[in-house]
Protein backbone atom coordinates (compact mmCIF):
# COMPACT_ATOMS: atom_id res chain seq x y z
CA UNK A 1 -10.98 15.24 27.62
CA UNK A 2 -11.05 11.52 27.95
CA UNK A 3 -10.69 10.21 31.48
CA UNK A 4 -9.56 6.87 32.91
CA UNK A 5 -12.17 4.13 32.43
CA UNK A 6 -13.78 5.41 29.23
CA UNK A 7 -13.63 3.14 26.08
CA UNK A 8 -10.92 3.67 23.52
CA UNK A 9 -11.84 3.05 19.91
CA UNK A 10 -10.00 2.37 16.68
CA UNK A 11 -11.65 4.84 14.35
CA UNK A 12 -9.34 4.49 11.31
CA UNK A 13 -7.25 1.65 9.98
CA UNK A 14 -5.28 1.00 6.84
CA UNK A 15 -2.29 -0.89 5.48
CA UNK A 16 -0.17 -0.95 2.43
CA UNK A 17 0.25 -4.09 0.35
CA UNK A 18 3.14 -6.08 1.74
CA UNK A 19 6.11 -6.04 -0.71
CA UNK A 20 8.38 -9.00 -1.21
CA UNK A 21 12.05 -8.53 -0.32
CA UNK A 22 13.83 -6.47 -2.98
CA UNK A 23 10.52 -6.06 -4.72
CA UNK A 24 8.29 -3.17 -5.59
CA UNK A 25 8.49 -1.31 -2.27
CA UNK A 26 12.32 -1.59 -1.99
CA UNK A 27 12.80 2.03 -2.99
CA UNK A 28 10.62 3.38 -0.17
CA UNK A 29 11.88 4.08 3.32
CA UNK A 30 9.85 3.00 6.35
CA UNK A 31 8.93 6.67 6.72
CA UNK A 32 7.52 6.80 3.13
CA UNK A 33 5.40 3.69 3.81
CA UNK A 34 4.35 4.83 7.29
CA UNK A 35 3.28 8.22 6.06
CA UNK A 36 1.16 6.67 3.30
CA UNK A 37 -0.56 4.26 5.74
CA UNK A 38 -1.01 7.04 8.40
CA UNK A 39 -2.51 9.46 5.87
CA UNK A 40 -5.00 6.82 4.65
CA UNK A 41 -5.91 5.79 8.25
CA UNK A 42 -6.59 9.40 9.14
CA UNK A 43 -8.68 9.86 6.08
CA UNK A 44 -10.77 6.79 6.93
CA UNK A 45 -11.31 7.96 10.47
CA UNK A 46 -12.96 11.20 9.50
CA UNK A 47 -10.87 13.11 11.97
CA UNK A 48 -9.04 16.19 10.72
CA UNK A 49 -5.29 15.62 10.81
CA UNK A 50 -4.80 18.69 12.97
CA UNK A 51 -7.10 17.10 15.58
CA UNK A 52 -4.67 14.19 16.22
CA UNK A 53 -3.01 14.58 19.63
CA UNK A 54 0.09 12.43 19.27
CA UNK A 55 1.91 9.87 17.20
CA UNK A 56 3.38 6.52 18.34
CA UNK A 57 5.55 4.87 15.68
CA UNK A 58 7.52 1.71 15.41
CA UNK A 59 10.43 0.78 13.17
CA UNK A 60 12.84 -2.04 14.04
CA UNK A 61 15.56 -1.93 11.33
CA UNK A 62 16.89 1.58 11.72
CA UNK A 63 19.17 3.24 9.21
CA UNK A 64 17.25 2.19 6.08
CA UNK A 65 16.28 5.75 5.10
CA UNK A 66 18.72 8.09 3.27
CA UNK A 67 20.62 10.43 5.57
CA UNK A 68 19.86 8.25 8.65
CA UNK A 69 16.49 9.91 8.92
CA UNK A 70 14.94 6.87 10.60
CA UNK A 71 15.68 8.31 14.05
CA UNK A 72 12.99 10.89 13.21
CA UNK A 73 10.56 8.27 12.00
CA UNK A 74 7.47 8.91 14.10
CA UNK A 75 7.99 12.66 14.07
CA UNK A 76 8.41 12.86 10.38
CA UNK A 77 5.40 10.59 9.78
CA UNK A 78 3.23 12.87 11.94
CA UNK A 79 4.42 15.99 10.05
CA UNK A 80 3.91 14.35 6.71
CA UNK A 81 0.42 13.27 7.65
CA UNK A 82 -0.51 16.89 8.43
CA UNK A 83 -0.55 16.84 12.25
CA UNK A 84 -0.03 20.08 14.19
CA UNK A 85 3.57 20.93 14.96
CA UNK A 86 2.69 20.71 18.65
CA UNK A 87 1.65 17.06 18.41
CA UNK A 88 4.45 14.98 20.02
CA UNK A 89 5.87 11.73 18.57
CA UNK A 90 7.26 8.64 20.25
CA UNK A 91 9.24 5.69 18.82
CA UNK A 92 8.66 2.25 20.43
CA UNK A 93 10.64 -0.91 19.80
CA UNK A 94 9.43 -4.36 20.90
CA UNK A 95 10.81 -6.17 17.81
CA UNK A 96 8.07 -8.33 16.28
CA UNK A 97 5.55 -6.84 18.71
CA UNK A 98 6.39 -3.29 17.94
CA UNK A 99 3.27 -2.65 15.90
CA UNK A 100 1.06 -4.01 18.70
CA UNK A 101 3.03 -1.85 21.15
CA UNK A 102 2.14 1.32 19.25
CA UNK A 103 -1.50 0.52 20.01
CA UNK A 104 -0.80 -0.41 23.58
CA UNK A 105 0.96 2.93 24.11
CA UNK A 106 -1.74 4.89 22.42
CA UNK A 107 -4.35 3.10 24.48
CA UNK A 108 -2.47 3.92 27.66
CA UNK A 109 -2.02 7.58 26.76
CA UNK A 110 -5.71 8.02 26.11
CA UNK A 111 -6.76 6.28 29.30
CA UNK A 112 -4.44 8.35 31.50
CA UNK A 113 -6.11 11.30 33.23
CA UNK A 114 -5.62 14.62 31.49
CA UNK A 115 -3.37 15.95 34.30
CA UNK A 116 -0.90 13.11 33.38
CA UNK A 117 -1.38 12.88 29.56
CA UNK A 118 -3.90 14.95 27.61
CA UNK A 119 -3.73 12.91 24.38
CA UNK A 120 -7.16 11.86 23.23
CA UNK A 121 -6.53 10.96 19.54
CA UNK A 122 -3.41 8.95 18.77
CA UNK A 123 -1.99 7.87 15.45
CA UNK A 124 -0.25 4.43 15.70
CA UNK A 125 2.05 3.48 12.85
CA UNK A 126 4.31 0.53 12.31
CA UNK A 127 6.56 0.36 9.15
CA UNK A 128 9.51 -1.52 7.93
CA UNK A 129 11.63 -1.75 4.73
CA UNK A 130 13.59 -4.94 5.41
CA UNK A 131 14.95 -4.82 1.85
CA UNK A 132 17.06 -1.90 2.94
CA UNK A 133 18.49 -3.28 6.18
CA UNK A 134 22.14 -2.11 5.87
CA UNK A 135 25.52 -3.60 6.03
CA UNK A 136 27.65 -2.01 8.76
CA UNK A 137 31.31 -1.73 9.49
CA UNK A 138 32.07 -2.12 13.17
CA UNK A 139 35.01 0.27 13.47
CA UNK A 140 35.89 2.29 16.55
CA UNK A 141 36.12 6.07 16.35
CA UNK A 142 39.67 7.39 16.55
CA UNK A 143 41.04 8.71 19.91
CA UNK A 144 42.94 11.49 18.23
CA UNK A 145 40.27 12.47 15.74
CA UNK A 146 36.67 11.65 16.64
CA UNK A 147 35.58 11.86 13.01
CA UNK A 148 38.07 9.20 11.85
CA UNK A 149 37.62 5.49 12.21
CA UNK A 150 39.99 2.58 12.80
CA UNK A 151 40.82 0.43 9.82
CA UNK A 152 39.68 -3.14 9.23
CA UNK A 153 36.47 -3.10 11.25
CA UNK A 154 34.27 -6.13 11.11
CA UNK A 155 31.60 -6.02 8.38
CA UNK A 156 28.19 -7.01 9.68
CA UNK A 157 24.87 -7.78 7.91
CA UNK A 158 22.45 -5.96 10.22
CA UNK A 159 19.61 -8.38 9.41
CA UNK A 160 21.46 -11.69 9.55
CA UNK A 161 23.20 -10.64 12.79
CA UNK A 162 19.91 -9.60 14.49
CA UNK A 163 18.34 -13.02 13.76
CA UNK A 164 20.75 -14.44 16.36
CA UNK A 165 20.13 -13.94 20.11
CA UNK A 166 23.69 -14.06 21.43
CA UNK A 167 22.82 -13.89 25.15
CA UNK A 168 20.58 -16.96 24.88
CA UNK A 169 22.99 -18.61 22.45
CA UNK A 170 20.28 -19.30 19.91
CA UNK A 171 18.75 -17.90 16.76
CA UNK A 172 15.06 -17.12 15.88
CA UNK A 173 14.68 -20.11 13.68
CA UNK A 174 16.23 -22.40 16.34
CA UNK A 175 13.72 -21.20 18.91
CA UNK A 176 10.88 -22.18 16.64
CA UNK A 177 12.54 -25.50 15.97
CA UNK A 178 13.01 -26.15 19.69
CA UNK A 179 9.41 -25.21 20.57
CA UNK A 180 8.07 -27.33 17.77
CA UNK A 181 10.07 -30.32 18.93
CA UNK A 182 8.77 -29.90 22.52
CA UNK A 183 5.20 -29.71 21.20
CA UNK A 184 5.77 -32.83 19.03
CA UNK A 185 5.24 -30.95 15.75
CA UNK A 186 6.42 -32.73 12.57
CA UNK A 187 8.10 -31.28 9.53
CA UNK A 188 5.26 -32.51 7.43
CA UNK A 189 2.74 -30.60 9.55
CA UNK A 190 4.86 -27.49 9.17
CA UNK A 191 4.90 -27.81 5.37
CA UNK A 192 1.13 -28.60 5.25
CA UNK A 193 0.46 -25.46 7.20
CA UNK A 194 2.73 -23.34 4.96
CA UNK A 195 0.75 -24.62 1.96
CA UNK A 196 -2.49 -23.68 3.73
CA UNK A 197 -1.22 -20.17 4.58
CA UNK A 198 -0.50 -19.56 0.87
CA UNK A 199 -3.77 -21.12 -0.21
CA UNK A 200 -5.73 -18.94 2.08
CA UNK A 201 -3.83 -15.79 1.04
CA UNK A 202 -4.41 -16.62 -2.70
CA UNK A 203 -8.11 -17.07 -2.04
CA UNK A 204 -8.28 -13.77 -0.17
CA UNK A 205 -6.51 -11.98 -3.01
CA UNK A 206 -8.95 -13.40 -5.49
CA UNK A 207 -11.85 -12.13 -3.41
CA UNK A 208 -10.24 -8.83 -2.46
CA UNK A 209 -12.17 -5.55 -2.71
CA UNK A 210 -9.29 -4.35 -4.91
CA UNK A 211 -10.59 -7.01 -7.40
CA UNK A 212 -14.20 -6.07 -6.81
CA UNK A 213 -14.81 -8.42 -3.86
CA UNK A 214 -15.22 -7.97 -0.16
CA UNK A 215 -11.94 -9.32 1.35
CA UNK A 216 -8.78 -7.52 2.58
CA UNK A 217 -10.68 -4.29 2.88
CA UNK A 218 -7.96 -2.79 5.09
CA UNK A 219 -5.45 -2.62 2.25
CA UNK A 220 -5.14 0.33 -0.05
CA UNK A 221 -3.35 0.41 -3.40
CA UNK A 222 0.21 1.89 -3.55
CA UNK A 223 1.77 3.54 -6.49
CA UNK A 224 5.34 2.46 -7.10
CA UNK A 225 7.66 1.13 -9.80
CA UNK A 226 8.77 -2.45 -10.67
CA UNK A 227 12.27 -3.74 -10.97
CA UNK A 228 12.64 -2.20 -14.45
CA UNK A 229 11.38 1.27 -13.37
CA UNK A 230 7.97 0.82 -14.90
CA UNK A 231 5.09 2.29 -12.92
CA UNK A 232 3.12 -0.17 -10.80
CA UNK A 233 -0.30 0.11 -9.20
CA UNK A 234 0.49 -2.30 -6.38
CA UNK A 235 -2.84 -3.76 -5.13
CA UNK A 236 -1.85 -7.14 -3.66
CA UNK A 237 0.56 -8.67 -1.20
CA UNK A 238 3.64 -9.62 -3.32
CA UNK A 239 4.86 -12.51 -1.21
CA UNK A 240 1.89 -14.70 -1.89
CA UNK A 241 2.63 -17.47 -4.40
CA UNK A 242 1.27 -20.76 -5.57
CA UNK A 243 3.10 -23.66 -3.97
CA UNK A 244 2.46 -27.22 -2.98
CA UNK A 245 3.28 -29.71 -0.30
CA UNK A 246 5.49 -31.59 -2.83
CA UNK A 247 7.59 -28.45 -3.45
CA UNK A 248 7.83 -27.50 0.29
CA UNK A 249 8.90 -30.94 1.45
CA UNK A 250 11.87 -30.87 -0.97
CA UNK A 251 13.33 -27.71 0.66
CA UNK A 252 16.25 -28.40 2.92
CA UNK A 253 15.87 -28.07 6.73
CA UNK A 254 17.72 -25.18 8.24
CA UNK A 255 17.57 -26.25 11.92
CA UNK A 256 18.78 -29.14 14.08
CA UNK A 257 15.43 -30.83 14.47
CA UNK A 258 14.61 -30.37 10.83
CA UNK A 259 11.35 -28.41 11.29
CA UNK A 260 12.25 -25.08 9.73
CA UNK A 261 12.84 -24.45 6.01
CA UNK A 262 12.83 -21.38 3.81
CA UNK A 263 9.28 -22.51 2.73
CA UNK A 264 7.67 -22.65 6.14
CA UNK A 265 9.16 -19.52 7.69
CA UNK A 266 7.72 -16.00 7.39
CA UNK A 267 8.78 -13.97 4.38
CA UNK A 268 11.27 -11.11 4.65
CA UNK A 269 9.25 -8.19 3.41
CA UNK A 270 8.38 -4.46 3.35
CA UNK A 271 5.20 -2.68 4.39
CA UNK A 272 3.32 -0.45 6.80
CA UNK A 273 0.01 -0.26 8.67
CA UNK A 274 -1.65 2.48 10.75
CA UNK A 275 -4.47 2.92 13.14
CA UNK A 276 -6.11 5.98 14.66
CA UNK A 277 -7.25 5.60 18.32
CA UNK A 278 -9.71 7.94 19.89
CA UNK A 279 -11.32 8.30 23.33
CA UNK A 280 -15.05 7.93 23.73
CA UNK A 281 -15.66 11.64 24.34
CA UNK A 282 -13.86 12.58 21.15
CA UNK A 283 -16.01 10.07 19.30
CA UNK A 284 -19.16 11.58 20.66
CA UNK A 285 -17.98 15.17 20.12
CA UNK A 286 -17.03 14.60 16.46
CA UNK A 287 -19.83 12.23 15.73
CA UNK A 288 -17.43 9.44 14.57
CA UNK A 289 -18.48 6.08 13.30
CA UNK A 290 -16.58 4.25 16.06
CA UNK A 291 -17.02 0.51 15.74
CA UNK A 292 -14.03 -1.32 17.23
CA UNK A 293 -13.06 -0.90 20.91
CA UNK A 294 -9.71 -1.82 22.32
CA UNK A 295 -10.65 -4.00 25.28
CA UNK A 296 -7.35 -5.09 26.75
CA UNK A 297 -3.71 -6.08 26.00
CA UNK A 298 -1.22 -8.54 27.36
CA UNK A 299 2.64 -8.53 27.24
CA UNK A 300 4.76 -11.19 28.77
CA UNK A 301 8.20 -12.72 28.75
CA UNK A 302 9.03 -16.33 28.04
CA UNK A 303 12.20 -18.47 27.84
CA UNK A 304 14.23 -17.06 24.94
CA UNK A 305 15.05 -20.53 23.77
CA UNK A 306 11.34 -21.07 22.84
CA UNK A 307 10.53 -17.40 22.08
CA UNK A 308 7.74 -18.56 19.64
CA UNK A 309 5.67 -19.70 22.63
CA UNK A 310 5.13 -15.96 23.51
CA UNK A 311 1.50 -15.73 22.29
CA UNK A 312 0.38 -18.50 24.67
CA UNK A 313 0.86 -16.65 28.00
CA UNK A 314 0.18 -13.27 26.33
CA UNK A 315 -3.22 -14.47 25.15
CA UNK A 316 -3.95 -16.01 28.54
CA UNK A 317 -3.10 -12.75 30.21
CA UNK A 318 -5.23 -10.62 27.92
CA UNK A 319 -8.14 -12.95 28.22
CA UNK A 320 -7.94 -12.75 31.98
CA UNK A 321 -7.76 -8.90 31.89
CA UNK A 322 -10.79 -8.75 29.61
CA UNK A 323 -12.67 -11.31 31.70
CA UNK A 324 -13.18 -13.54 28.76
CA UNK A 325 -12.66 -17.26 27.93
CA UNK A 326 -10.73 -18.40 24.80
CA UNK A 327 -13.94 -19.70 23.19
CA UNK A 328 -15.46 -16.15 23.48
CA UNK A 329 -13.09 -14.94 20.77
CA UNK A 330 -14.56 -15.47 17.35
CA UNK A 331 -11.49 -14.51 15.17
CA UNK A 332 -7.78 -14.59 15.65
CA UNK A 333 -4.71 -13.14 13.90
CA UNK A 334 -1.53 -14.76 15.27
CA UNK A 335 1.69 -14.00 13.43
CA UNK A 336 3.25 -16.93 11.63
CA UNK A 337 6.89 -16.26 12.35
CA UNK A 338 7.55 -19.96 11.65
CA UNK A 339 5.11 -22.75 11.00
CA UNK A 340 6.69 -24.79 13.80
CA UNK A 341 6.16 -21.87 16.20
CA UNK A 342 2.59 -21.20 15.16
CA UNK A 343 1.63 -24.89 15.34
CA UNK A 344 3.03 -25.07 18.85
CA UNK A 345 0.81 -22.10 19.92
CA UNK A 346 -2.13 -23.58 18.14
CA UNK A 347 -1.72 -26.98 19.88
CA UNK A 348 -1.02 -25.51 23.35
CA UNK A 349 -4.09 -23.28 23.22
CA UNK A 350 -6.23 -25.79 21.34
CA UNK A 351 -7.26 -23.20 18.81
CA UNK A 352 -9.86 -23.76 16.11
CA UNK A 353 -7.80 -23.41 12.89
CA UNK A 354 -10.93 -22.30 10.96
CA UNK A 355 -10.87 -19.09 13.07
CA UNK A 356 -7.21 -18.29 12.84
CA UNK A 357 -5.40 -16.35 10.08
CA UNK A 358 -8.32 -17.03 7.77
CA UNK A 359 -6.79 -14.83 4.94
CA UNK A 360 -3.22 -16.27 5.30
CA UNK A 361 -0.47 -15.16 7.71
CA UNK A 362 3.19 -14.23 7.80
CA UNK A 363 4.40 -17.31 5.93
CA UNK A 364 2.45 -16.28 2.84
CA UNK A 365 1.97 -12.47 3.38
CA UNK A 366 5.35 -11.59 4.85
CA UNK A 367 6.53 -10.31 8.24
CA UNK A 368 7.75 -6.67 7.98
CA UNK A 369 8.70 -6.59 11.66
CA UNK A 370 7.36 -3.35 13.07
CA UNK A 371 4.40 -3.31 10.66
CA UNK A 372 3.16 -6.78 11.52
CA UNK A 373 1.32 -6.00 14.77
CA UNK A 374 -0.55 -3.08 13.17
CA UNK A 375 -1.15 -5.23 10.09
CA UNK A 376 -2.63 -7.92 12.20
CA UNK A 377 -5.16 -5.57 13.79
CA UNK A 378 -6.15 -3.93 10.52
CA UNK A 379 -6.84 -7.27 8.81
CA UNK A 380 -8.55 -8.62 11.95
CA UNK A 381 -10.97 -5.68 12.30
CA UNK A 382 -12.04 -5.67 8.65
CA UNK A 383 -12.51 -9.51 8.66
CA UNK A 384 -14.51 -9.33 11.90
CA UNK A 385 -16.76 -6.75 10.22
CA UNK A 386 -17.15 -9.02 7.17
CA UNK A 387 -17.97 -12.11 9.20
CA UNK A 388 -20.04 -10.40 11.86
CA UNK A 389 -17.70 -11.40 14.75
CA UNK A 390 -18.00 -9.61 18.04
CA UNK A 391 -14.53 -10.30 19.50
CA UNK A 392 -11.11 -10.73 17.95
CA UNK A 393 -7.54 -11.04 19.13
CA UNK A 394 -4.24 -10.23 17.47
CA UNK A 395 -0.98 -11.68 18.89
CA UNK A 396 2.66 -12.19 18.05
CA UNK A 397 5.76 -13.87 19.41
CA UNK A 398 8.69 -11.56 19.92
CA UNK A 399 12.40 -12.13 19.45
CA UNK A 400 14.28 -12.42 22.78
CA UNK A 401 11.44 -14.40 24.36
CA UNK A 402 8.23 -12.28 24.66
CA UNK A 403 4.64 -12.31 23.46
CA UNK A 404 1.96 -9.60 23.03
CA UNK A 405 -1.71 -9.65 22.40
CA UNK A 406 -4.54 -7.21 21.93
CA UNK A 407 -8.32 -7.85 22.04
CA UNK A 408 -10.78 -5.74 20.12
CA UNK A 409 -14.57 -5.67 20.35
CA UNK A 410 -17.11 -4.77 17.76
CA UNK A 411 -19.23 -2.33 19.74
CA UNK A 412 -22.22 -2.72 17.35
CA UNK A 413 -22.76 -6.35 18.50
CA UNK A 414 -23.99 -7.35 21.94
C-alpha cells in the first residue's frame, strides 16, 4: 500500500475531441463522454479496471443527462468503466478548476497513509456537455401538496445565469475585462492572441497523430452522428476554425472596457478527459510504464472582480511547494478563458509565449468547464513527451475568484 511521501504517477491519460456547442457531441451526456475517456485512460494505463481503487469525477452543469442522472456521474462512470462495485466515487466541483481538482483529490488520497485512505489507484474524470445546460423554472413547491408547484415561476437559463457572479456584482467576462484593463492590455492584443490560438490549433490538427502525425496524442477518436444523423468518426476538435485579425477586430465588444468579444473568449463546448493516478508501489508491483509524476499543486483565492488573475498566485504557490523557479518549467498549459485574462497572466508572470499553449488553448479548442483541467494535463503530458521537456504546469482561473495549478515531471529525465 502506498504510504505518505512516495511518488504519485499519472499512468494513463486520454481525452475526447472537444465538440462545438450544439455540434457532434450534443447528444451525449457528460456521463457518456466521461465513461469513454475513462475507459480509454484505463486501457492506456495497462492497469486492469478492477484494480482501480476509487473514482473522482467532476461535472459543473448538472441536470444535462436524461432522468437527472448527473448526480450519479462519478459512480456511473466508474461502473461503466468496469471498476469493482466496492470502488467508491466522489464528485468535486471547483467550476473551471474542477478537472484539476479531480487530480488534486486523487493525489491526496494516494498520499494519505492506508489507515486514513487505502486508495492507491484513482481514476480522475472531468466531463461536460454544455450544449445540454437546461432551462429551469424557479417555482416553489406547494405547501399543501409537495409534488405540486406554484404557477408563474421565473424561467432561468442555467448557463447564462451562472456566468454572473451576483455576490461580487460582476460577470465572468467583466472580470476579464477589468483585469485586462488593470494590466494595460489592449483590444488589438486580445484579437491578435485569439488569432494565434486558432492558428496554433489548426497547425496541431494538421500534424495530429490522427492524421498520421505526432501531435495531440492524448486525443482518441469518438464515434458519433452529425446534425443530420449521419455517422461521424470525430477525430478533431470541432471549435477550431480559420479566422483572421481583420475578422476578429470587427466583432462588437461585450464589456465596458471593450476588451472582450465573442471572438476572443473561450468557446462553449462539450468534451471529457481522464487520467489514472497510481502510487509508486503499485507502479512497481504491476511493472507499469510510469513516466509522469505529479509533483505539487496550488489552489488560491483572488478578488472575484479580477477572477482571471487566479493562475498567477496559484502558479507562484505550486512553484514554491515544488521548490522550483518559473524558468524551470519547460511547458505550460494555461486555460484561455478570455484573451484579456490570459494576457494579464502572461504579462504578470513574464511568461515565454513560445512555451505556453503551443497547440492552441480554450479560445480555439473550447472550454468544457469540468473537462478543461484534465484536458490541460492530458495535452501537457503528451506534448512534454514529444518535445522532451522535463517539467510542465497546467493552470486555470476559476469563476468566483480562484486559481489552481498542477506541476508534473517527466521521471525519465534528470
